[in-house]
Amino acid sequence: MIKTKGSKIVTQDDVRYIASLSRISLRDEEMARLTRNLEDILHYVRKLEEVDVRHIEPTSHVLPLKNVYREDRMRPSLTREDALQIAVQQHEGFFKVPKVIQ
């Protein structure tokens, strides 16, 4: 779609295409609402593009944050036998779980 001032940026065909890529089906009323929502979002982004940020330092977070590290220490933990006591199933000393990837 051509982006000219005052014209539509997002069409229902665009939303239908995005929905097909996402493998979701939309009813007509959802299609109209999502088209308006995407249109509003893109208009807002266009407004943000007009803001002069040349003198703004790039940042990944609005607050000054730093990682807090702690020293790694060896501590007592469960033995394999203790951990396996809660297993629903086990096999040769390991937790046995259902296959989740085909």
N, C-alpha and C. Protein backbone atom coordinates (compact mmCIF):
# COMPACT_ATOMS: atom_id res chain seq x y z
N MET A 1 0.84 -1.17 0.00
CA MET A 1 0.00 0.00 0.00
C MET A 1 0.89 1.24 0.00
N ILE A 2 0.54 2.24 -0.80
CA ILE A 2 1.29 3.49 -0.87
C ILE A 2 0.93 4.35 0.34
N LYS A 3 1.97 4.88 1.01
CA LYS A 3 1.76 5.66 2.22
C LYS A 3 1.77 7.15 1.89
N THR A 4 0.62 7.69 1.61
CA THR A 4 0.52 9.13 1.37
C THR A 4 -0.31 9.75 2.47
N LYS A 5 -0.07 11.04 2.69
CA LYS A 5 -0.76 11.72 3.78
C LYS A 5 -2.27 11.65 3.58
N GLY A 6 -2.97 11.25 4.62
CA GLY A 6 -4.42 11.20 4.58
C GLY A 6 -4.98 9.90 4.02
N SER A 7 -4.13 9.06 3.45
CA SER A 7 -4.64 7.80 2.91
C SER A 7 -4.44 6.69 3.93
N LYS A 8 -5.06 5.58 3.65
CA LYS A 8 -4.93 4.42 4.52
C LYS A 8 -3.52 3.85 4.43
N ILE A 9 -2.98 3.45 5.57
CA ILE A 9 -1.68 2.78 5.60
C ILE A 9 -1.90 1.27 5.62
N VAL A 10 -2.92 0.84 6.33
CA VAL A 10 -3.21 -0.58 6.48
C VAL A 10 -4.57 -0.88 5.89
N THR A 11 -4.63 -1.91 5.08
CA THR A 11 -5.91 -2.33 4.52
C THR A 11 -6.32 -3.65 5.16
N GLN A 12 -7.56 -4.03 4.94
CA GLN A 12 -8.01 -5.32 5.46
C GLN A 12 -7.27 -6.46 4.77
N ASP A 13 -6.84 -6.25 3.54
CA ASP A 13 -6.03 -7.27 2.86
C ASP A 13 -4.70 -7.45 3.58
N ASP A 14 -4.11 -6.34 4.08
CA ASP A 14 -2.87 -6.44 4.85
C ASP A 14 -3.09 -7.26 6.11
N VAL A 15 -4.17 -6.97 6.81
CA VAL A 15 -4.48 -7.69 8.06
C VAL A 15 -4.76 -9.15 7.76
N ARG A 16 -5.48 -9.41 6.67
CA ARG A 16 -5.77 -10.79 6.28
C ARG A 16 -4.46 -11.55 5.99
N TYR A 17 -3.51 -10.88 5.32
CA TYR A 17 -2.23 -11.50 5.01
C TYR A 17 -1.44 -11.79 6.29
N ILE A 18 -1.40 -10.82 7.20
CA ILE A 18 -0.69 -11.01 8.48
C ILE A 18 -1.33 -12.15 9.27
N ALA A 19 -2.65 -12.19 9.27
CA ALA A 19 -3.36 -13.27 9.97
C ALA A 19 -3.01 -14.62 9.36
N SER A 20 -2.90 -14.69 8.03
CA SER A 20 -2.57 -15.97 7.41
C SER A 20 -1.14 -16.39 7.75
N LEU A 21 -0.22 -15.42 7.83
CA LEU A 21 1.15 -15.74 8.25
C LEU A 21 1.18 -16.24 9.69
N SER A 22 0.28 -15.71 10.51
CA SER A 22 0.22 -16.09 11.92
C SER A 22 -0.63 -17.34 12.14
N ARG A 23 -1.22 -17.82 11.08
CA ARG A 23 -2.07 -19.01 11.14
C ARG A 23 -3.25 -18.82 12.09
N ILE A 24 -3.88 -17.62 12.00
CA ILE A 24 -5.08 -17.36 12.80
C ILE A 24 -6.21 -16.97 11.86
N SER A 25 -7.41 -17.30 12.25
CA SER A 25 -8.57 -16.90 11.45
C SER A 25 -9.29 -15.78 12.20
N LEU A 26 -9.77 -14.81 11.43
CA LEU A 26 -10.43 -13.64 12.01
C LEU A 26 -11.83 -13.50 11.44
N ARG A 27 -12.77 -13.15 12.30
CA ARG A 27 -14.11 -12.83 11.84
C ARG A 27 -14.10 -11.41 11.26
N ASP A 28 -15.14 -11.06 10.51
CA ASP A 28 -15.20 -9.75 9.84
C ASP A 28 -15.08 -8.60 10.83
N GLU A 29 -15.77 -8.71 11.98
CA GLU A 29 -15.70 -7.62 12.96
C GLU A 29 -14.30 -7.50 13.58
N GLU A 30 -13.63 -8.64 13.73
CA GLU A 30 -12.24 -8.61 14.23
C GLU A 30 -11.32 -7.99 13.19
N MET A 31 -11.55 -8.30 11.93
CA MET A 31 -10.75 -7.77 10.83
C MET A 31 -10.84 -6.25 10.80
N ALA A 32 -12.04 -5.72 10.91
CA ALA A 32 -12.23 -4.26 10.88
C ALA A 32 -11.58 -3.61 12.09
N ARG A 33 -11.74 -4.19 13.28
CA ARG A 33 -11.16 -3.62 14.50
C ARG A 33 -9.64 -3.66 14.44
N LEU A 34 -9.06 -4.79 14.02
CA LEU A 34 -7.60 -4.89 13.95
C LEU A 34 -7.02 -3.97 12.89
N THR A 35 -7.74 -3.77 11.80
CA THR A 35 -7.28 -2.83 10.77
C THR A 35 -7.20 -1.42 11.36
N ARG A 36 -8.23 -1.01 12.09
CA ARG A 36 -8.21 0.32 12.74
C ARG A 36 -7.10 0.40 13.78
N ASN A 37 -6.92 -0.66 14.58
CA ASN A 37 -5.87 -0.67 15.61
C ASN A 37 -4.48 -0.53 14.99
N LEU A 38 -4.20 -1.30 13.95
CA LEU A 38 -2.89 -1.21 13.29
C LEU A 38 -2.69 0.16 12.66
N GLU A 39 -3.74 0.69 12.08
CA GLU A 39 -3.68 2.03 11.49
C GLU A 39 -3.32 3.06 12.57
N ASP A 40 -3.98 2.99 13.72
CA ASP A 40 -3.69 3.91 14.83
C ASP A 40 -2.25 3.77 15.32
N ILE A 41 -1.78 2.55 15.43
CA ILE A 41 -0.40 2.31 15.89
C ILE A 41 0.59 2.92 14.91
N LEU A 42 0.38 2.71 13.62
CA LEU A 42 1.31 3.24 12.63
C LEU A 42 1.27 4.77 12.56
N HIS A 43 0.10 5.36 12.78
CA HIS A 43 0.02 6.83 12.84
C HIS A 43 0.81 7.35 14.04
N TYR A 44 0.72 6.65 15.16
CA TYR A 44 1.47 7.05 16.35
C TYR A 44 2.97 6.93 16.11
N VAL A 45 3.40 5.85 15.47
CA VAL A 45 4.82 5.67 15.15
C VAL A 45 5.28 6.79 14.23
N ARG A 46 4.46 7.17 13.26
CA ARG A 46 4.81 8.26 12.36
C ARG A 46 5.02 9.56 13.15
N LYS A 47 4.19 9.79 14.17
CA LYS A 47 4.38 10.98 15.02
C LYS A 47 5.70 10.89 15.77
N LEU A 48 6.02 9.70 16.29
CA LEU A 48 7.27 9.52 17.01
C LEU A 48 8.48 9.76 16.11
N GLU A 49 8.37 9.43 14.83
CA GLU A 49 9.47 9.66 13.90
C GLU A 49 9.79 11.13 13.73
N GLU A 50 8.83 12.01 14.05
CA GLU A 50 9.04 13.45 13.91
C GLU A 50 9.80 14.05 15.08
N VAL A 51 9.95 13.32 16.17
CA VAL A 51 10.63 13.84 17.36
C VAL A 51 12.12 13.92 17.09
N ASP A 52 12.72 15.07 17.42
CA ASP A 52 14.15 15.27 17.23
C ASP A 52 14.91 14.61 18.38
N VAL A 53 15.65 13.56 18.07
CA VAL A 53 16.39 12.82 19.09
C VAL A 53 17.90 12.85 18.82
N ARG A 54 18.34 13.81 18.01
CA ARG A 54 19.77 13.87 17.64
C ARG A 54 20.67 14.03 18.86
N HIS A 55 20.20 14.71 19.90
CA HIS A 55 21.04 14.98 21.06
C HIS A 55 20.72 14.07 22.24
N ILE A 56 20.01 13.00 21.98
CA ILE A 56 19.65 12.04 23.02
C ILE A 56 20.61 10.86 22.95
N GLU A 57 21.22 10.55 24.07
CA GLU A 57 22.15 9.43 24.15
C GLU A 57 21.37 8.11 24.02
N PRO A 58 21.81 7.20 23.16
CA PRO A 58 21.12 5.90 23.05
C PRO A 58 21.16 5.14 24.37
N THR A 59 20.09 4.46 24.69
CA THR A 59 20.03 3.70 25.93
C THR A 59 19.17 2.46 25.73
N SER A 60 19.41 1.47 26.52
CA SER A 60 18.58 0.27 26.45
C SER A 60 17.53 0.26 27.55
N HIS A 61 17.64 1.18 28.50
CA HIS A 61 16.68 1.25 29.59
C HIS A 61 16.61 2.69 30.08
N VAL A 62 15.43 3.10 30.54
CA VAL A 62 15.29 4.50 30.96
C VAL A 62 15.95 4.78 32.30
N LEU A 63 16.19 3.76 33.08
CA LEU A 63 16.83 3.94 34.38
C LEU A 63 18.27 3.43 34.32
N PRO A 64 19.17 4.07 35.05
CA PRO A 64 20.55 3.56 35.05
C PRO A 64 20.63 2.25 35.85
N LEU A 65 20.78 1.15 35.15
CA LEU A 65 20.83 -0.16 35.80
C LEU A 65 22.20 -0.77 35.61
N LYS A 66 22.56 -1.62 36.54
CA LYS A 66 23.78 -2.40 36.38
C LYS A 66 23.53 -3.78 36.97
N ASN A 67 24.23 -4.75 36.44
CA ASN A 67 24.09 -6.11 36.95
C ASN A 67 24.74 -6.22 38.32
N VAL A 68 24.09 -6.96 39.18
CA VAL A 68 24.65 -7.23 40.50
C VAL A 68 25.07 -8.69 40.51
N TYR A 69 26.35 -8.92 40.61
CA TYR A 69 26.87 -10.28 40.59
C TYR A 69 27.20 -10.73 42.00
N ARG A 70 27.12 -12.01 42.21
CA ARG A 70 27.56 -12.57 43.48
C ARG A 70 28.62 -13.62 43.17
N GLU A 71 29.42 -13.87 44.13
CA GLU A 71 30.46 -14.87 43.96
C GLU A 71 29.84 -16.26 43.93
N ASP A 72 30.28 -17.08 43.01
CA ASP A 72 29.81 -18.47 42.96
C ASP A 72 30.46 -19.24 44.11
N ARG A 73 29.62 -19.98 44.82
CA ARG A 73 30.14 -20.79 45.93
C ARG A 73 29.55 -22.18 45.84
N MET A 74 30.35 -23.15 46.21
CA MET A 74 29.86 -24.52 46.29
C MET A 74 28.98 -24.62 47.53
N ARG A 75 27.80 -25.22 47.36
CA ARG A 75 26.91 -25.43 48.49
C ARG A 75 26.35 -26.83 48.42
N PRO A 76 25.93 -27.35 49.54
CA PRO A 76 25.32 -28.70 49.52
C PRO A 76 24.05 -28.68 48.68
N SER A 77 23.82 -29.76 47.95
CA SER A 77 22.59 -29.88 47.18
C SER A 77 22.08 -31.32 47.29
N LEU A 78 21.01 -31.61 46.59
CA LEU A 78 20.42 -32.95 46.65
C LEU A 78 21.33 -33.96 45.96
N THR A 79 21.32 -35.15 46.49
CA THR A 79 21.99 -36.24 45.79
C THR A 79 21.08 -36.69 44.65
N ARG A 80 21.63 -37.43 43.72
CA ARG A 80 20.82 -37.93 42.61
C ARG A 80 19.67 -38.79 43.14
N GLU A 81 19.97 -39.62 44.13
CA GLU A 81 18.93 -40.50 44.68
C GLU A 81 17.80 -39.70 45.34
N ASP A 82 18.17 -38.65 46.08
CA ASP A 82 17.14 -37.81 46.72
C ASP A 82 16.28 -37.12 45.66
N ALA A 83 16.90 -36.60 44.61
CA ALA A 83 16.15 -35.92 43.56
C ALA A 83 15.22 -36.89 42.84
N LEU A 84 15.69 -38.07 42.58
CA LEU A 84 14.88 -39.05 41.84
C LEU A 84 13.72 -39.61 42.66
N GLN A 85 13.73 -39.39 43.97
CA GLN A 85 12.62 -39.87 44.80
C GLN A 85 11.30 -39.20 44.42
N ILE A 86 11.36 -37.99 43.88
CA ILE A 86 10.12 -37.29 43.51
C ILE A 86 9.73 -37.55 42.06
N ALA A 87 10.54 -38.28 41.31
CA ALA A 87 10.28 -38.53 39.89
C ALA A 87 9.06 -39.43 39.72
N VAL A 88 8.19 -39.06 38.81
CA VAL A 88 7.05 -39.91 38.48
C VAL A 88 7.56 -41.17 37.80
N GLN A 89 8.54 -40.99 36.89
CA GLN A 89 9.19 -42.13 36.24
C GLN A 89 10.69 -41.83 36.16
N GLN A 90 11.48 -42.89 36.21
CA GLN A 90 12.92 -42.73 36.04
C GLN A 90 13.45 -43.89 35.22
N HIS A 91 14.62 -43.64 34.62
CA HIS A 91 15.23 -44.68 33.79
C HIS A 91 16.74 -44.54 33.89
N GLU A 92 17.38 -45.57 34.41
CA GLU A 92 18.83 -45.63 34.53
C GLU A 92 19.42 -44.39 35.23
N GLY A 93 18.77 -43.95 36.30
CA GLY A 93 19.29 -42.85 37.10
C GLY A 93 18.94 -41.46 36.59
N PHE A 94 18.00 -41.37 35.65
CA PHE A 94 17.58 -40.07 35.11
C PHE A 94 16.07 -39.94 35.21
N PHE A 95 15.57 -38.69 35.22
CA PHE A 95 14.14 -38.45 35.14
C PHE A 95 13.67 -38.89 33.76
N LYS A 96 12.53 -39.57 33.70
CA LYS A 96 11.94 -39.95 32.43
C LYS A 96 10.71 -39.09 32.25
N VAL A 97 10.66 -38.36 31.14
CA VAL A 97 9.56 -37.44 30.89
C VAL A 97 8.94 -37.76 29.53
N PRO A 98 7.69 -37.33 29.30
CA PRO A 98 7.05 -37.58 28.02
C PRO A 98 7.76 -36.84 26.88
N LYS A 99 7.78 -37.41 25.71
CA LYS A 99 8.37 -36.78 24.54
C LYS A 99 7.49 -35.58 24.15
N VAL A 100 8.12 -34.42 23.95
CA VAL A 100 7.34 -33.23 23.61
C VAL A 100 7.66 -32.72 22.21
N ILE A 101 8.71 -33.22 21.59
CA ILE A 101 9.07 -32.79 20.23
C ILE A 101 8.96 -34.01 19.32
N GLN A 102 8.24 -33.86 18.24
CA GLN A 102 8.02 -34.97 17.30
C GLN A 102 9.17 -35.11 16.35
